PDB file of N, CA and C in Angstrom:
ATOM      1  N   MET A   1     -18.549  -1.241   9.356  1.00  0.00           N
ATOM      2  CA  MET A   1     -17.117  -1.091   9.172  1.00  0.00           C
ATOM      3  C   MET A   1     -16.395  -2.174   9.955  1.00  0.00           C
ATOM      4  N   ALA A   2     -15.375  -2.739   9.361  1.00  0.00           N
ATOM      5  CA  ALA A   2     -14.598  -3.797  10.007  1.00  0.00           C
ATOM      6  C   ALA A   2     -13.803  -3.234  11.182  1.00  0.00           C
ATOM      7  N   ASP A   3     -13.616  -4.058  12.184  1.00  0.00           N
ATOM      8  CA  ASP A   3     -12.816  -3.682  13.344  1.00  0.00           C
ATOM      9  C   ASP A   3     -11.377  -3.456  12.889  1.00  0.00           C
ATOM     10  N   PRO A   4     -10.812  -2.253  13.060  1.00  0.00           N
ATOM     11  CA  PRO A   4      -9.468  -1.960  12.571  1.00  0.00           C
ATOM     12  C   PRO A   4      -8.361  -2.727  13.298  1.00  0.00           C
ATOM     13  N   LYS A   5      -8.705  -3.412  14.368  1.00  0.00           N
ATOM     14  CA  LYS A   5      -7.713  -4.207  15.102  1.00  0.00           C
ATOM     15  C   LYS A   5      -7.877  -5.702  14.849  1.00  0.00           C
ATOM     16  N   GLN A   6      -8.812  -6.068  13.960  1.00  0.00           N
ATOM     17  CA  GLN A   6      -9.074  -7.470  13.657  1.00  0.00           C
ATOM     18  C   GLN A   6      -8.345  -7.862  12.374  1.00  0.00           C
ATOM     19  N   THR A   7      -7.538  -8.925  12.431  1.00  0.00           N
ATOM     20  CA  THR A   7      -6.877  -9.378  11.210  1.00  0.00           C
ATOM     21  C   THR A   7      -7.916  -9.970  10.259  1.00  0.00           C
ATOM     22  N   LEU A   8      -7.647  -9.798   8.977  1.00  0.00           N
ATOM     23  CA  LEU A   8      -8.565 -10.261   7.941  1.00  0.00           C
ATOM     24  C   LEU A   8      -8.139 -11.624   7.418  1.00  0.00           C
ATOM     25  N   THR A   9      -9.100 -12.366   6.924  1.00  0.00           N
ATOM     26  CA  THR A   9      -8.815 -13.666   6.331  1.00  0.00           C
ATOM     27  C   THR A   9      -8.336 -13.457   4.891  1.00  0.00           C
ATOM     28  N   PRO A  10      -7.659 -14.445   4.320  1.00  0.00           N
ATOM     29  CA  PRO A  10      -7.273 -14.338   2.907  1.00  0.00           C
ATOM     30  C   PRO A  10      -8.468 -14.074   1.990  1.00  0.00           C
ATOM     31  N   THR A  11      -9.618 -14.657   2.295  1.00  0.00           N
ATOM     32  CA  THR A  11     -10.819 -14.429   1.487  1.00  0.00           C
ATOM     33  C   THR A  11     -11.260 -12.975   1.575  1.00  0.00           C
ATOM     34  N   GLU A  12     -11.262 -12.412   2.777  1.00  0.00           N
ATOM     35  CA  GLU A  12     -11.648 -11.006   2.948  1.00  0.00           C
ATOM     36  C   GLU A  12     -10.693 -10.080   2.191  1.00  0.00           C
ATOM     37  N   ILE A  13      -9.425 -10.421   2.209  1.00  0.00           N
ATOM     38  CA  ILE A  13      -8.431  -9.615   1.493  1.00  0.00           C
ATOM     39  C   ILE A  13      -8.660  -9.727  -0.012  1.00  0.00           C
ATOM     40  N   GLU A  14      -8.897 -10.916  -0.488  1.00  0.00           N
ATOM     41  CA  GLU A  14      -9.150 -11.119  -1.915  1.00  0.00           C
ATOM     42  C   GLU A  14     -10.416 -10.392  -2.358  1.00  0.00           C
ATOM     43  N   GLU A  15     -11.440 -10.423  -1.533  1.00  0.00           N
ATOM     44  CA  GLU A  15     -12.705  -9.759  -1.857  1.00  0.00           C
ATOM     45  C   GLU A  15     -12.569  -8.237  -1.929  1.00  0.00           C
ATOM     46  N   ALA A  16     -11.506  -7.696  -1.339  1.00  0.00           N
ATOM     47  CA  ALA A  16     -11.276  -6.249  -1.403  1.00  0.00           C
ATOM     48  C   ALA A  16     -10.902  -5.806  -2.817  1.00  0.00           C
ATOM     49  N   ALA A  17     -10.508  -6.759  -3.664  1.00  0.00           N
ATOM     50  CA  ALA A  17     -10.222  -6.502  -5.085  1.00  0.00           C
ATOM     51  C   ALA A  17      -9.227  -5.372  -5.288  1.00  0.00           C
ATOM     52  N   LEU A  18      -8.102  -5.475  -4.636  1.00  0.00           N
ATOM     53  CA  LEU A  18      -7.025  -4.496  -4.794  1.00  0.00           C
ATOM     54  C   LEU A  18      -6.099  -4.982  -5.904  1.00  0.00           C
ATOM     55  N   ALA A  19      -6.362  -4.565  -7.118  1.00  0.00           N
ATOM     56  CA  ALA A  19      -5.684  -5.103  -8.297  1.00  0.00           C
ATOM     57  C   ALA A  19      -4.169  -4.955  -8.253  1.00  0.00           C
ATOM     58  N   GLU A  20      -3.663  -3.868  -7.717  1.00  0.00           N
ATOM     59  CA  GLU A  20      -2.216  -3.625  -7.713  1.00  0.00           C
ATOM     60  C   GLU A  20      -1.491  -4.363  -6.592  1.00  0.00           C
ATOM     61  N   TRP A  21      -2.237  -4.939  -5.683  1.00  0.00           N
ATOM     62  CA  TRP A  21      -1.675  -5.493  -4.454  1.00  0.00           C
ATOM     63  C   TRP A  21      -1.777  -7.009  -4.431  1.00  0.00           C
ATOM     64  N   ARG A  22      -0.826  -7.624  -3.706  1.00  0.00           N
ATOM     65  CA  ARG A  22      -0.906  -9.063  -3.481  1.00  0.00           C
ATOM     66  C   ARG A  22      -0.539  -9.344  -2.030  1.00  0.00           C
ATOM     67  N   GLN A  23      -1.050 -10.440  -1.525  1.00  0.00           N
ATOM     68  CA  GLN A  23      -0.742 -10.834  -0.162  1.00  0.00           C
ATOM     69  C   GLN A  23       0.540 -11.640  -0.159  1.00  0.00           C
ATOM     70  N   ASP A  24       1.430 -11.300   0.756  1.00  0.00           N
ATOM     71  CA  ASP A  24       2.679 -12.031   0.967  1.00  0.00           C
ATOM     72  C   ASP A  24       2.760 -12.331   2.460  1.00  0.00           C
ATOM     73  N   GLY A  25       2.259 -13.485   2.850  1.00  0.00           N
ATOM     74  CA  GLY A  25       2.209 -13.815   4.270  1.00  0.00           C
ATOM     75  C   GLY A  25       1.258 -12.881   4.998  1.00  0.00           C
ATOM     76  N   GLU A  26       1.785 -12.169   5.968  1.00  0.00           N
ATOM     77  CA  GLU A  26       0.976 -11.250   6.777  1.00  0.00           C
ATOM     78  C   GLU A  26       1.103  -9.810   6.294  1.00  0.00           C
ATOM     79  N   THR A  27       1.416  -9.646   5.018  1.00  0.00           N
ATOM     80  CA  THR A  27       1.628  -8.307   4.458  1.00  0.00           C
ATOM     81  C   THR A  27       0.944  -8.167   3.099  1.00  0.00           C
ATOM     82  N   LEU A  28       0.569  -6.931   2.786  1.00  0.00           N
ATOM     83  CA  LEU A  28       0.157  -6.573   1.431  1.00  0.00           C
ATOM     84  C   LEU A  28       1.339  -5.896   0.772  1.00  0.00           C
ATOM     85  N   VAL A  29       1.644  -6.268  -0.452  1.00  0.00           N
ATOM     86  CA  VAL A  29       2.782  -5.674  -1.146  1.00  0.00           C
ATOM     87  C   VAL A  29       2.372  -5.200  -2.533  1.00  0.00           C
ATOM     88  N   ALA A  30       3.040  -4.129  -2.962  1.00  0.00           N
ATOM     89  CA  ALA A  30       2.841  -3.608  -4.316  1.00  0.00           C
ATOM     90  C   ALA A  30       4.117  -2.883  -4.729  1.00  0.00           C
ATOM     91  N   ARG A  31       4.340  -2.867  -6.040  1.00  0.00           N
ATOM     92  CA  ARG A  31       5.435  -2.086  -6.621  1.00  0.00           C
ATOM     93  C   ARG A  31       4.831  -1.202  -7.699  1.00  0.00           C
ATOM     94  N   PHE A  32       5.265   0.037  -7.731  1.00  0.00           N
ATOM     95  CA  PHE A  32       4.743   0.999  -8.691  1.00  0.00           C
ATOM     96  C   PHE A  32       5.887   1.516  -9.559  1.00  0.00           C
ATOM     97  N   ALA A  33       5.744   1.360 -10.860  1.00  0.00           N
ATOM     98  CA  ALA A  33       6.757   1.785 -11.830  1.00  0.00           C
ATOM     99  C   ALA A  33       6.602   3.291 -12.071  1.00  0.00           C
ATOM    100  N   THR A  34       7.414   4.072 -11.400  1.00  0.00           N
ATOM    101  CA  THR A  34       7.289   5.530 -11.465  1.00  0.00           C
ATOM    102  C   THR A  34       7.955   6.121 -12.702  1.00  0.00           C
ATOM    103  N   GLY A  35       8.898   5.404 -13.271  1.00  0.00           N
ATOM    104  CA  GLY A  35       9.567   5.878 -14.482  1.00  0.00           C
ATOM    105  C   GLY A  35      10.717   6.828 -14.236  1.00  0.00           C
ATOM    106  N   ASP A  36      10.647   7.559 -13.137  1.00  0.00           N
ATOM    107  CA  ASP A  36      11.751   8.458 -12.789  1.00  0.00           C
ATOM    108  C   ASP A  36      11.751   8.694 -11.279  1.00  0.00           C
ATOM    109  N   PHE A  37      12.861   9.208 -10.802  1.00  0.00           N
ATOM    110  CA  PHE A  37      13.030   9.376  -9.366  1.00  0.00           C
ATOM    111  C   PHE A  37      12.110  10.457  -8.808  1.00  0.00           C
ATOM    112  N   ALA A  38      11.925  11.552  -9.532  1.00  0.00           N
ATOM    113  CA  ALA A  38      11.095  12.658  -9.042  1.00  0.00           C
ATOM    114  C   ALA A  38       9.645  12.219  -8.829  1.00  0.00           C
ATOM    115  N   THR A  39       9.111  11.439  -9.750  1.00  0.00           N
ATOM    116  CA  THR A  39       7.737  10.948  -9.597  1.00  0.00           C
ATOM    117  C   THR A  39       7.653   9.993  -8.410  1.00  0.00           C
ATOM    118  N   GLY A  40       8.674   9.164  -8.256  1.00  0.00           N
ATOM    119  CA  GLY A  40       8.718   8.264  -7.104  1.00  0.00           C
ATOM    120  C   GLY A  40       8.735   9.030  -5.799  1.00  0.00           C
ATOM    121  N   LEU A  41       9.519  10.090  -5.761  1.00  0.00           N
ATOM    122  CA  LEU A  41       9.595  10.916  -4.563  1.00  0.00           C
ATOM    123  C   LEU A  41       8.249  11.572  -4.270  1.00  0.00           C
ATOM    124  N   ASP A  42       7.566  12.028  -5.301  1.00  0.00           N
ATOM    125  CA  ASP A  42       6.234  12.611  -5.143  1.00  0.00           C
ATOM    126  C   ASP A  42       5.262  11.577  -4.579  1.00  0.00           C
ATOM    127  N   LEU A  43       5.291  10.366  -5.122  1.00  0.00           N
ATOM    128  CA  LEU A  43       4.419   9.303  -4.626  1.00  0.00           C
ATOM    129  C   LEU A  43       4.722   9.001  -3.158  1.00  0.00           C
ATOM    130  N   VAL A  44       5.988   8.906  -2.812  1.00  0.00           N
ATOM    131  CA  VAL A  44       6.373   8.634  -1.423  1.00  0.00           C
ATOM    132  C   VAL A  44       5.884   9.756  -0.498  1.00  0.00           C
ATOM    133  N   ALA A  45       5.991  11.002  -0.937  1.00  0.00           N
ATOM    134  CA  ALA A  45       5.528  12.128  -0.116  1.00  0.00           C
ATOM    135  C   ALA A  45       4.017  12.028   0.123  1.00  0.00           C
ATOM    136  N   ARG A  46       3.271  11.674  -0.913  1.00  0.00           N
ATOM    137  CA  ARG A  46       1.817  11.536  -0.768  1.00  0.00           C
ATOM    138  C   ARG A  46       1.468  10.377   0.172  1.00  0.00           C
ATOM    139  N   ILE A  47       2.190   9.268   0.021  1.00  0.00           N
ATOM    140  CA  ILE A  47       1.973   8.127   0.912  1.00  0.00           C
ATOM    141  C   ILE A  47       2.291   8.532   2.347  1.00  0.00           C
ATOM    142  N   GLY A  48       3.393   9.244   2.521  1.00  0.00           N
ATOM    143  CA  GLY A  48       3.796   9.672   3.857  1.00  0.00           C
ATOM    144  C   GLY A  48       2.765  10.560   4.524  1.00  0.00           C
ATOM    145  N   ALA A  49       2.184  11.475   3.769  1.00  0.00           N
ATOM    146  CA  ALA A  49       1.163  12.365   4.331  1.00  0.00           C
ATOM    147  C   ALA A  49      -0.057  11.568   4.787  1.00  0.00           C
ATOM    148  N   ASP A  50      -0.499  10.615   3.966  1.00  0.00           N
ATOM    149  CA  ASP A  50      -1.638   9.782   4.348  1.00  0.00           C
ATOM    150  C   ASP A  50      -1.303   8.895   5.547  1.00  0.00           C
ATOM    151  N   ALA A  51      -0.102   8.362   5.556  1.00  0.00           N
ATOM    152  CA  ALA A  51       0.316   7.490   6.659  1.00  0.00           C
ATOM    153  C   ALA A  51       0.335   8.258   7.980  1.00  0.00           C
ATOM    154  N   GLU A  52       0.836   9.466   7.945  1.00  0.00           N
ATOM    155  CA  GLU A  52       0.858  10.282   9.165  1.00  0.00           C
ATOM    156  C   GLU A  52      -0.555  10.596   9.631  1.00  0.00           C
ATOM    157  N   GLN A  53      -1.415  10.962   8.687  1.00  0.00           N
ATOM    158  CA  GLN A  53      -2.794  11.295   9.026  1.00  0.00           C
ATOM    159  C   GLN A  53      -3.505  10.089   9.643  1.00  0.00           C
ATOM    160  N   ALA A  54      -3.253   8.904   9.105  1.00  0.00           N
ATOM    161  CA  ALA A  54      -3.902   7.687   9.594  1.00  0.00           C
ATOM    162  C   ALA A  54      -3.177   7.072  10.789  1.00  0.00           C
ATOM    163  N   ASP A  55      -1.983   7.582  11.107  1.00  0.00           N
ATOM    164  CA  ASP A  55      -1.121   6.982  12.132  1.00  0.00           C
ATOM    165  C   ASP A  55      -0.939   5.486  11.854  1.00  0.00           C
ATOM    166  N   HIS A  56      -0.678   5.197  10.579  1.00  0.00           N
ATOM    167  CA  HIS A  56      -0.481   3.816  10.122  1.00  0.00           C
ATOM    168  C   HIS A  56       0.586   3.854   9.036  1.00  0.00           C
ATOM    169  N   HIS A  57       1.732   3.284   9.313  1.00  0.00           N
ATOM    170  CA  HIS A  57       2.918   3.543   8.497  1.00  0.00           C
ATOM    171  C   HIS A  57       3.410   2.307   7.744  1.00  0.00           C
ATOM    172  N   PRO A  58       3.457   2.413   6.415  1.00  0.00           N
ATOM    173  CA  PRO A  58       3.956   1.301   5.596  1.00  0.00           C
ATOM    174  C   PRO A  58       5.480   1.308   5.543  1.00  0.00           C
ATOM    175  N   ASP A  59       6.023   0.201   5.082  1.00  0.00           N
ATOM    176  CA  ASP A  59       7.447   0.141   4.752  1.00  0.00           C
ATOM    177  C   ASP A  59       7.554   0.521   3.278  1.00  0.00           C
ATOM    178  N   LEU A  60       8.427   1.480   2.981  1.00  0.00           N
ATOM    179  CA  LEU A  60       8.572   1.990   1.622  1.00  0.00           C
ATOM    180  C   LEU A  60      10.000   1.806   1.130  1.00  0.00           C
ATOM    181  N   THR A  61      10.133   1.552  -0.166  1.00  0.00           N
ATOM    182  CA  THR A  61      11.424   1.497  -0.827  1.00  0.00           C
ATOM    183  C   THR A  61      11.343   2.390  -2.055  1.00  0.00           C
ATOM    184  N   LEU A  62      12.183   3.408  -2.090  1.00  0.00           N
ATOM    185  CA  LEU A  62      12.233   4.320  -3.225  1.00  0.00           C
ATOM    186  C   LEU A  62      13.525   4.064  -3.976  1.00  0.00           C
ATOM    187  N   THR A  63      13.392   3.642  -5.216  1.00  0.00           N
ATOM    188  CA  THR A  63      14.551   3.436  -6.082  1.00  0.00           C
ATOM    189  C   THR A  63      14.235   4.031  -7.441  1.00  0.00           C
ATOM    190  N   TYR A  64      15.238   4.125  -8.259  1.00  0.00           N
ATOM    191  CA  TYR A  64      14.999   4.497  -9.639  1.00  0.00           C
ATOM    192  C   TYR A  64      14.792   3.199 -10.394  1.00  0.00           C
ATOM    193  N   PRO A  65      13.663   2.960 -10.995  1.00  0.00           N
ATOM    194  CA  PRO A  65      12.498   3.803 -11.240  1.00  0.00           C
ATOM    195  C   PRO A  65      11.215   3.259 -10.625  1.00  0.00           C
ATOM    196  N   GLU A  66      11.214   2.891  -9.348  1.00  0.00           N
ATOM    197  CA  GLU A  66       9.982   2.371  -8.767  1.00  0.00           C
ATOM    198  C   GLU A  66       9.908   2.629  -7.271  1.00  0.00           C
ATOM    199  N   VAL A  67       8.688   2.447  -6.752  1.00  0.00           N
ATOM    200  CA  VAL A  67       8.427   2.529  -5.319  1.00  0.00           C
ATOM    201  C   VAL A  67       7.818   1.207  -4.892  1.00  0.00           C
ATOM    202  N   GLY A  68       8.398   0.605  -3.872  1.00  0.00           N
ATOM    203  CA  GLY A  68       7.848  -0.615  -3.291  1.00  0.00           C
ATOM    204  C   GLY A  68       7.149  -0.278  -1.988  1.00  0.00           C
ATOM    205  N   VAL A  69       6.003  -0.920  -1.746  1.00  0.00           N
ATOM    206  CA  VAL A  69       5.218  -0.654  -0.542  1.00  0.00           C
ATOM    207  C   VAL A  69       4.847  -1.974   0.112  1.00  0.00           C
ATOM    208  N   ARG A  70       5.018  -2.030   1.432  1.00  0.00           N
ATOM    209  CA  ARG A  70       4.605  -3.183   2.230  1.00  0.00           C
ATOM    210  C   ARG A  70       3.722  -2.670   3.356  1.00  0.00           C
ATOM    211  N   LEU A  71       2.524  -3.229   3.444  1.00  0.00           N
ATOM    212  CA  LEU A  71       1.562  -2.833   4.472  1.00  0.00           C
ATOM    213  C   LEU A  71       1.251  -3.999   5.393  1.00  0.00           C
ATOM    214  N   SER A  72       1.283  -3.731   6.682  1.00  0.00           N
ATOM    215  CA  SER A  72       0.893  -4.714   7.682  1.00  0.00           C
ATOM    216  C   SER A  72       0.583  -3.968   8.967  1.00  0.00           C
ATOM    217  N   SER A  73      -0.366  -4.477   9.701  1.00  0.00           N
ATOM    218  CA  SER A  73      -0.678  -3.896  11.009  1.00  0.00           C
ATOM    219  C   SER A  73       0.180  -4.616  12.037  1.00  0.00           C
ATOM    220  N   HIS A  74       1.334  -4.037  12.315  1.00  0.00           N
ATOM    221  CA  HIS A  74       2.320  -4.682  13.181  1.00  0.00           C
ATOM    222  C   HIS A  74       1.779  -4.935  14.585  1.00  0.00           C
ATOM    223  N   ASP A  75       0.871  -4.060  15.041  1.00  0.00           N
ATOM    224  CA  ASP A  75       0.354  -4.202  16.401  1.00  0.00           C
ATOM    225  C   ASP A  75      -0.512  -5.445  16.584  1.00  0.00           C
ATOM    226  N   VAL A  76      -1.056  -5.989  15.485  1.00  0.00           N
ATOM    227  CA  VAL A  76      -1.869  -7.210  15.597  1.00  0.00           C
ATOM    228  C   VAL A  76      -1.285  -8.361  14.785  1.00  0.00           C
ATOM    229  N   GLY A  77      -0.176  -8.131  14.103  1.00  0.00           N
ATOM    230  CA  GLY A  77       0.519  -9.193  13.392  1.00  0.00           C
ATOM    231  C   GLY A  77      -0.187  -9.701  12.152  1.00  0.00           C
ATOM    232  N   GLY A  78      -0.785  -8.795  11.389  1.00  0.00           N
ATOM    233  CA  GLY A  78      -1.453  -9.227  10.175  1.00  0.00           C
ATOM    234  C   GLY A  78      -2.043  -8.065   9.396  1.00  0.00           C
ATOM    235  N   ILE A  79      -2.879  -8.396   8.448  1.00  0.00           N
ATOM    236  CA  ILE A  79      -3.515  -7.411   7.577  1.00  0.00           C
ATOM    237  C   ILE A  79      -4.892  -7.085   8.141  1.00  0.00           C
ATOM    238  N   THR A  80      -5.167  -5.788   8.264  1.00  0.00           N
ATOM    239  CA  THR A  80      -6.447  -5.321   8.797  1.00  0.00           C
ATOM    240  C   THR A  80      -7.105  -4.363   7.806  1.00  0.00           C
ATOM    241  N   SER A  81      -8.272  -3.889   8.169  1.00  0.00           N
ATOM    242  CA  SER A  81      -8.964  -2.910   7.339  1.00  0.00           C
ATOM    243  C   SER A  81      -8.146  -1.636   7.190  1.00  0.00           C
ATOM    244  N   ARG A  82      -7.292  -1.328   8.163  1.00  0.00           N
ATOM    245  CA  ARG A  82      -6.411  -0.154   8.044  1.00  0.00           C
ATOM    246  C   ARG A  82      -5.485  -0.300   6.848  1.00  0.00           C
ATOM    247  N   ASP A  83      -4.990  -1.508   6.626  1.00  0.00           N
ATOM    248  CA  ASP A  83      -4.099  -1.758   5.491  1.00  0.00           C
ATOM    249  C   ASP A  83      -4.849  -1.644   4.168  1.00  0.00           C
ATOM    250  N   LEU A  84      -6.058  -2.186   4.122  1.00  0.00           N
ATOM    251  CA  LEU A  84      -6.856  -2.084   2.899  1.00  0.00           C
ATOM    252  C   LEU A  84      -7.169  -0.626   2.575  1.00  0.00           C
ATOM    253  N   ASP A  85      -7.528   0.139   3.596  1.00  0.00           N
ATOM    254  CA  ASP A  85      -7.845   1.555   3.387  1.00  0.00           C
ATOM    255  C   ASP A  85      -6.632   2.314   2.852  1.00  0.00           C
ATOM    256  N   LEU A  86      -5.468   2.089   3.457  1.00  0.00           N
ATOM    257  CA  LEU A  86      -4.268   2.788   3.008  1.00  0.00           C
ATOM    258  C   LEU A  86      -3.845   2.304   1.622  1.00  0.00           C
ATOM    259  N   ALA A  87      -4.004   1.028   1.340  1.00  0.00           N
ATOM    260  CA  ALA A  87      -3.681   0.499   0.004  1.00  0.00           C
ATOM    261  C   ALA A  87      -4.526   1.192  -1.059  1.00  0.00           C
ATOM    262  N   ARG A  88      -5.799   1.375  -0.778  1.00  0.00           N
ATOM    263  CA  ARG A  88      -6.679   2.064  -1.734  1.00  0.00           C
ATOM    264  C   ARG A  88      -6.219   3.506  -1.964  1.00  0.00           C
ATOM    265  N   ARG A  89      -5.844   4.175  -0.904  1.00  0.00           N
ATOM    266  CA  ARG A  89      -5.380   5.566  -1.023  1.00  0.00           C
ATOM    267  C   ARG A  89      -4.080   5.628  -1.835  1.00  0.00           C
ATOM    268  N   ILE A  90      -3.171   4.695  -1.564  1.00  0.00           N
ATOM    269  CA  ILE A  90      -1.901   4.653  -2.292  1.00  0.00           C
ATOM    270  C   ILE A  90      -2.156   4.398  -3.775  1.00  0.00           C
ATOM    271  N   SER A  91      -3.032   3.461  -4.083  1.00  0.00           N
ATOM    272  CA  SER A  91      -3.366   3.184  -5.485  1.00  0.00           C
ATOM    273  C   SER A  91      -3.966   4.420  -6.146  1.00  0.00           C
ATOM    274  N   GLY A  92      -4.756   5.167  -5.405  1.00  0.00           N
ATOM    275  CA  GLY A  92      -5.327   6.405  -5.924  1.00  0.00           C
ATOM    276  C   GLY A  92      -4.266   7.446  -6.234  1.00  0.00           C
ATOM    277  N   HIS A  93      -3.291   7.576  -5.348  1.00  0.00           N
ATOM    278  CA  HIS A  93      -2.187   8.511  -5.597  1.00  0.00           C
ATOM    279  C   HIS A  93      -1.396   8.092  -6.836  1.00  0.00           C
ATOM    280  N   ALA A  94      -1.133   6.796  -6.945  1.00  0.00           N
ATOM    281  CA  ALA A  94      -0.390   6.299  -8.110  1.00  0.00           C
ATOM    282  C   ALA A  94      -1.159   6.619  -9.388  1.00  0.00           C
ATOM    283  N   ALA A  95      -2.457   6.369  -9.384  1.00  0.00           N
ATOM    284  CA  ALA A  95      -3.264   6.656 -10.581  1.00  0.00           C
ATOM    285  C   ALA A  95      -3.247   8.136 -10.912  1.00  0.00           C
ATOM    286  N   ALA A  96      -3.328   8.997  -9.900  1.00  0.00           N
ATOM    287  CA  ALA A  96      -3.325  10.436 -10.122  1.00  0.00           C
ATOM    288  C   ALA A  96      -2.003  10.906 -10.744  1.00  0.00           C
ATOM    289  N   LEU A  97      -0.932  10.190 -10.442  1.00  0.00           N
ATOM    290  CA  LEU A  97       0.390  10.527 -10.988  1.00  0.00           C
ATOM    291  C   LEU A  97       0.668   9.822 -12.314  1.00  0.00           C
ATOM    292  N   GLY A  98      -0.262   8.997 -12.769  1.00  0.00           N
ATOM    293  CA  GLY A  98      -0.062   8.246 -13.996  1.00  0.00           C
ATOM    294  C   GLY A  98       0.898   7.087 -13.837  1.00  0.00           C
ATOM    295  N   VAL A  99       1.016   6.602 -12.609  1.00  0.00           N
ATOM    296  CA  VAL A  99       1.948   5.522 -12.284  1.00  0.00           C
ATOM    297  C   VAL A  99       1.185   4.201 -12.278  1.00  0.00           C
ATOM    298  N   THR A 100       1.751   3.188 -12.891  1.00  0.00           N
ATOM    299  CA  THR A 100       1.123   1.875 -12.927  1.00  0.00           C
ATOM    300  C   THR A 100       1.845   0.892 -12.011  1.00  0.00           C
ATOM    301  N   ALA A 101       1.124  -0.142 -11.640  1.00  0.00           N
ATOM    302  CA  ALA A 101       1.736  -1.192 -10.831  1.00  0.00           C
ATOM    303  C   ALA A 101       2.762  -1.935 -11.672  1.00  0.00           C
ATOM    304  N   ALA A 102       3.869  -2.288 -11.057  1.00  0.00           N
ATOM    305  CA  ALA A 102       4.930  -3.043 -11.740  1.00  0.00           C
ATOM    306  C   ALA A 102       4.655  -4.528 -11.539  1.00  0.00           C
ATOM    307  N   PRO A 103       4.765  -5.306 -12.592  1.00  0.00           N
ATOM    308  CA  PRO A 103       4.541  -6.751 -12.432  1.00  0.00           C
ATOM    309  C   PRO A 103       5.622  -7.380 -11.564  1.00  0.00           C
ATOM    310  N   ASP A 104       5.277  -8.491 -10.946  1.00  0.00           N
ATOM    311  CA  ASP A 104       6.259  -9.215 -10.122  1.00  0.00           C
ATOM    312  C   ASP A 104       7.323  -9.836 -10.991  1.00  0.00           C
TER     313      ASP A 104
END
């Protein structure tokens, strides 16, 4: 398992194959087209529960009709395995809700 306090290289991030996510500097970003506010709120609640459990908190934007997510390990100034793990969980929640990633 990767050191959760070690920042990852762009190659390591790319190798994680997170289809819905892209690297933007020292952050992972994704937008999910929820289609309606209630589904977006449900997705945010699920993300929040996972974030609390992991003690790792993303920046979220809830609008009609999408949710924006930004992940970064602020304590080390970059993307770590904690971000990849949470990104995978978020993508799983989106899939369970029938929500797809929104194109840039």
